[in-house]
């Protein structure tokens, strides 16, 4: 990740927020056969010290990723979007891409079957509880446990992270306002979630 001091995020709480709000993650592993990437939802362990996430992979992704054998990188991609130079103040400019991204590093710990069941139950419950009639894994436990046998659960205690929030820092208030307005209400490249991230930074 490019090291631009104005964009670097060092607060673990901000990284935790990013994980909560953007749980679809990319797991990247440098294996004996080369780089392998897989994509799964992750969940933050709220009561853990530091940053800890849990998830699962489907077999045989565990073997393809060499899960548990060495460090992996988990990419959390927050809101992002195109920023046109036409949204600036008329001075010469080039297009750019605003984004919020985190790279989390650690060696996965493989979970027991019961730990995996709990993680899967919690993960399903986390999303289903938004619905008027949640369809929980434990409602059909026999079927759920049969499906679970095709998965491998893991915990990643984050040993280090790199995070970046490129949100038009260093631009004038006029330019920042124009960019946020286009991202909130524009006809071509509206990204309201990205505009909200900009407000978090610029409205302090």
Protein backbone atom coordinates (compact mmCIF):
# COMPACT_ATOMS: atom_id res chain seq x y z
CA UNK A 1 0.00 0.00 0.00
CA UNK A 2 1.43 3.38 -1.00
CA UNK A 3 2.71 5.32 1.99
CA UNK A 4 1.20 8.80 1.77
CA UNK A 5 1.38 10.32 5.26
CA UNK A 6 -1.76 12.45 4.89
CA UNK A 7 -3.85 9.35 4.15
CA UNK A 8 -2.44 6.84 6.64
CA UNK A 9 -4.83 5.52 9.32
CA UNK A 10 -3.16 4.36 12.55
CA UNK A 11 -6.15 4.17 14.92
CA UNK A 12 -7.18 0.52 15.52
CA UNK A 13 -10.70 1.67 16.35
CA UNK A 14 -11.06 3.11 12.87
CA UNK A 15 -9.90 -0.19 11.40
CA UNK A 16 -12.44 -2.04 13.55
CA UNK A 17 -15.19 0.27 12.29
CA UNK A 18 -14.12 -0.43 8.72
CA UNK A 19 -14.37 -4.19 9.32
CA UNK A 20 -17.82 -3.87 10.96
CA UNK A 21 -19.20 -1.84 8.09
CA UNK A 22 -17.49 -3.74 5.26
CA UNK A 23 -17.42 -7.44 6.18
CA UNK A 24 -16.77 -8.86 2.70
CA UNK A 25 -13.02 -9.57 2.74
CA UNK A 26 -10.31 -10.82 0.40
CA UNK A 27 -7.87 -13.33 1.89
CA UNK A 28 -4.48 -13.39 0.14
CA UNK A 29 -1.96 -16.16 0.82
CA UNK A 30 1.56 -16.56 -0.57
CA UNK A 31 1.62 -20.35 -0.97
CA UNK A 32 4.14 -22.83 -2.28
CA UNK A 33 2.27 -22.69 -5.61
CA UNK A 34 2.14 -18.90 -5.70
CA UNK A 35 -0.39 -16.28 -4.66
CA UNK A 36 -3.92 -17.49 -3.89
CA UNK A 37 -6.89 -15.25 -3.07
CA UNK A 38 -10.35 -16.11 -1.74
CA UNK A 39 -13.33 -14.02 -0.69
CA UNK A 40 -15.44 -14.53 2.44
CA UNK A 41 -17.41 -12.53 5.01
CA UNK A 42 -15.60 -11.83 8.26
CA UNK A 43 -16.80 -10.77 11.69
CA UNK A 44 -15.00 -8.71 14.30
CA UNK A 45 -14.57 -10.25 17.75
CA UNK A 46 -15.75 -7.29 19.79
CA UNK A 47 -14.49 -8.53 23.16
CA UNK A 48 -10.96 -9.36 21.98
CA UNK A 49 -7.87 -7.36 22.81
CA UNK A 50 -6.59 -5.66 19.71
CA UNK A 51 -8.14 -6.57 16.36
CA UNK A 52 -9.38 -10.14 15.92
CA UNK A 53 -11.62 -11.44 13.16
CA UNK A 54 -13.27 -14.82 12.65
CA UNK A 55 -14.61 -16.47 9.53
CA UNK A 56 -14.55 -19.70 7.59
CA UNK A 57 -13.52 -20.98 4.19
CA UNK A 58 -15.07 -23.75 2.15
CA UNK A 59 -13.07 -26.89 1.59
CA UNK A 60 -10.72 -27.20 -0.26
CA UNK A 61 -9.88 -23.48 -0.01
CA UNK A 62 -8.20 -24.21 3.32
CA UNK A 63 -5.62 -26.34 1.52
CA UNK A 64 -5.28 -23.97 -1.43
CA UNK A 65 -4.61 -21.08 0.96
CA UNK A 66 -2.39 -23.21 3.21
CA UNK A 67 -4.58 -21.84 5.98
CA UNK A 68 -2.82 -21.78 9.33
CA UNK A 69 0.64 -22.54 7.94
CA UNK A 70 1.86 -18.95 7.61
CA UNK A 71 0.87 -15.29 7.54
CA UNK A 72 -1.93 -14.14 5.26
CA UNK A 73 -3.17 -10.71 4.28
CA UNK A 74 -6.86 -9.90 4.63
CA UNK A 75 -8.02 -6.91 2.59
CA UNK A 76 -10.97 -4.89 3.83
CA UNK A 77 -12.27 -2.56 1.13
CA UNK A 78 -14.45 0.28 2.33
CA UNK A 79 -16.32 2.83 0.20
CA UNK A 80 -14.48 3.98 -2.92
CA UNK A 81 -15.19 5.86 -6.11
CA UNK A 82 -14.05 7.98 -9.03
CA UNK A 83 -13.33 11.69 -8.52
CA UNK A 84 -13.41 13.83 -11.66
CA UNK A 85 -11.12 16.85 -12.12
CA UNK A 86 -14.26 18.62 -13.34
CA UNK A 87 -15.43 18.71 -9.72
CA UNK A 88 -12.45 20.83 -8.73
CA UNK A 89 -12.04 24.60 -8.97
CA UNK A 90 -11.08 25.02 -12.61
CA UNK A 91 -7.34 24.72 -12.04
CA UNK A 92 -5.42 22.01 -13.94
CA UNK A 93 -6.04 18.64 -12.27
CA UNK A 94 -6.18 14.94 -13.02
CA UNK A 95 -8.74 12.30 -12.08
CA UNK A 96 -8.27 10.30 -8.91
CA UNK A 97 -9.95 7.58 -6.88
CA UNK A 98 -10.96 8.17 -3.27
CA UNK A 99 -11.12 5.13 -1.02
CA UNK A 100 -10.81 3.65 2.45
CA UNK A 101 -8.85 0.39 2.62
CA UNK A 102 -7.14 -1.77 5.25
CA UNK A 103 -4.66 -4.64 4.96
CA UNK A 104 -4.67 -6.94 7.99
CA UNK A 105 -1.82 -9.39 8.61
CA UNK A 106 -1.63 -12.46 10.82
CA UNK A 107 -1.41 -16.24 10.87
CA UNK A 108 -4.87 -17.87 10.99
CA UNK A 109 -5.71 -20.15 13.90
CA UNK A 110 -7.82 -23.13 12.81
CA UNK A 111 -10.97 -23.52 14.92
CA UNK A 112 -12.42 -26.71 16.35
CA UNK A 113 -15.72 -27.98 14.97
CA UNK A 114 -17.65 -26.52 17.90
CA UNK A 115 -15.86 -23.17 17.60
CA UNK A 116 -16.58 -23.17 13.88
CA UNK A 117 -20.26 -23.92 14.55
CA UNK A 118 -20.44 -20.98 16.94
CA UNK A 119 -18.74 -18.65 14.48
CA UNK A 120 -21.06 -19.72 11.66
CA UNK A 121 -24.11 -19.33 13.92
CA UNK A 122 -22.98 -15.88 15.01
CA UNK A 123 -22.22 -14.84 11.43
CA UNK A 124 -25.64 -15.92 10.16
CA UNK A 125 -27.33 -14.33 13.17
CA UNK A 126 -25.46 -11.07 12.65
CA UNK A 127 -26.98 -10.59 9.21
CA UNK A 128 -30.33 -12.35 9.67
CA UNK A 129 -31.31 -10.24 12.69
CA UNK A 130 -31.77 -7.31 10.30
CA UNK A 131 -34.72 -9.18 8.78
CA UNK A 132 -38.25 -9.26 10.22
CA UNK A 133 -38.19 -13.08 10.43
CA UNK A 134 -34.57 -14.19 11.00
CA UNK A 135 -33.67 -17.58 9.53
CA UNK A 136 -31.01 -18.74 11.97
CA UNK A 137 -28.62 -21.63 11.55
CA UNK A 138 -29.76 -23.21 14.80
CA UNK A 139 -33.35 -23.36 13.51
CA UNK A 140 -32.28 -26.37 11.46
CA UNK A 141 -29.21 -27.54 13.33
CA UNK A 142 -28.95 -30.98 11.77
CA UNK A 143 -28.79 -29.54 8.27
CA UNK A 144 -26.52 -26.70 9.41
CA UNK A 145 -23.99 -29.06 10.98
CA UNK A 146 -23.97 -31.19 7.84
CA UNK A 147 -23.17 -28.13 5.74
CA UNK A 148 -20.61 -27.00 8.30
CA UNK A 149 -18.56 -30.13 7.67
CA UNK A 150 -17.61 -28.62 4.31
CA UNK A 151 -16.07 -25.57 5.94
CA UNK A 152 -13.01 -24.73 8.02
CA UNK A 153 -13.31 -21.96 10.61
CA UNK A 154 -10.46 -19.68 11.56
CA UNK A 155 -9.52 -16.80 13.83
CA UNK A 156 -7.09 -14.11 12.69
CA UNK A 157 -5.51 -12.09 15.47
CA UNK A 158 -4.15 -9.10 13.61
CA UNK A 159 -0.44 -8.71 14.28
CA UNK A 160 -0.08 -5.58 12.17
CA UNK A 161 -2.15 -3.55 9.75
CA UNK A 162 -1.80 -0.92 7.05
CA UNK A 163 -4.79 1.34 6.47
CA UNK A 164 -5.38 4.25 4.15
CA UNK A 165 -8.18 6.79 3.84
CA UNK A 166 -7.71 8.90 0.70
CA UNK A 167 -10.54 11.41 0.98
CA UNK A 168 -9.40 14.62 -0.74
CA UNK A 169 -7.24 15.71 2.19
CA UNK A 170 -5.14 18.73 1.28
CA UNK A 171 -7.76 20.15 -1.06
CA UNK A 172 -9.49 23.47 -0.47
CA UNK A 173 -12.81 23.60 1.36
CA UNK A 174 -14.45 24.54 -1.95
CA UNK A 175 -13.07 21.50 -3.75
CA UNK A 176 -13.91 19.17 -0.87
CA UNK A 177 -17.46 20.52 -0.86
CA UNK A 178 -17.80 20.01 -4.61
CA UNK A 179 -16.52 16.44 -4.41
CA UNK A 180 -18.83 15.54 -1.52
CA UNK A 181 -21.80 17.09 -3.31
CA UNK A 182 -21.13 15.09 -6.49
CA UNK A 183 -20.65 11.88 -4.51
CA UNK A 184 -23.87 12.50 -2.60
CA UNK A 185 -26.15 13.71 -5.38
CA UNK A 186 -24.33 13.56 -8.72
CA UNK A 187 -25.93 11.94 -11.74
CA UNK A 188 -22.86 10.02 -12.95
CA UNK A 189 -20.65 8.81 -10.09
CA UNK A 190 -22.69 9.11 -6.92
CA UNK A 191 -21.23 7.17 -3.98
CA UNK A 192 -23.10 8.33 -0.84
CA UNK A 193 -21.15 6.00 1.47
CA UNK A 194 -17.89 7.50 0.23
CA UNK A 195 -19.29 10.99 0.79
CA UNK A 196 -20.14 9.97 4.36
CA UNK A 197 -16.51 8.89 4.90
CA UNK A 198 -15.38 12.29 3.63
CA UNK A 199 -17.71 14.02 6.08
CA UNK A 200 -16.15 12.02 8.91
CA UNK A 201 -12.75 13.45 8.02
CA UNK A 202 -13.60 16.98 6.93
CA UNK A 203 -16.41 17.92 9.33
CA UNK A 204 -14.26 17.62 12.47
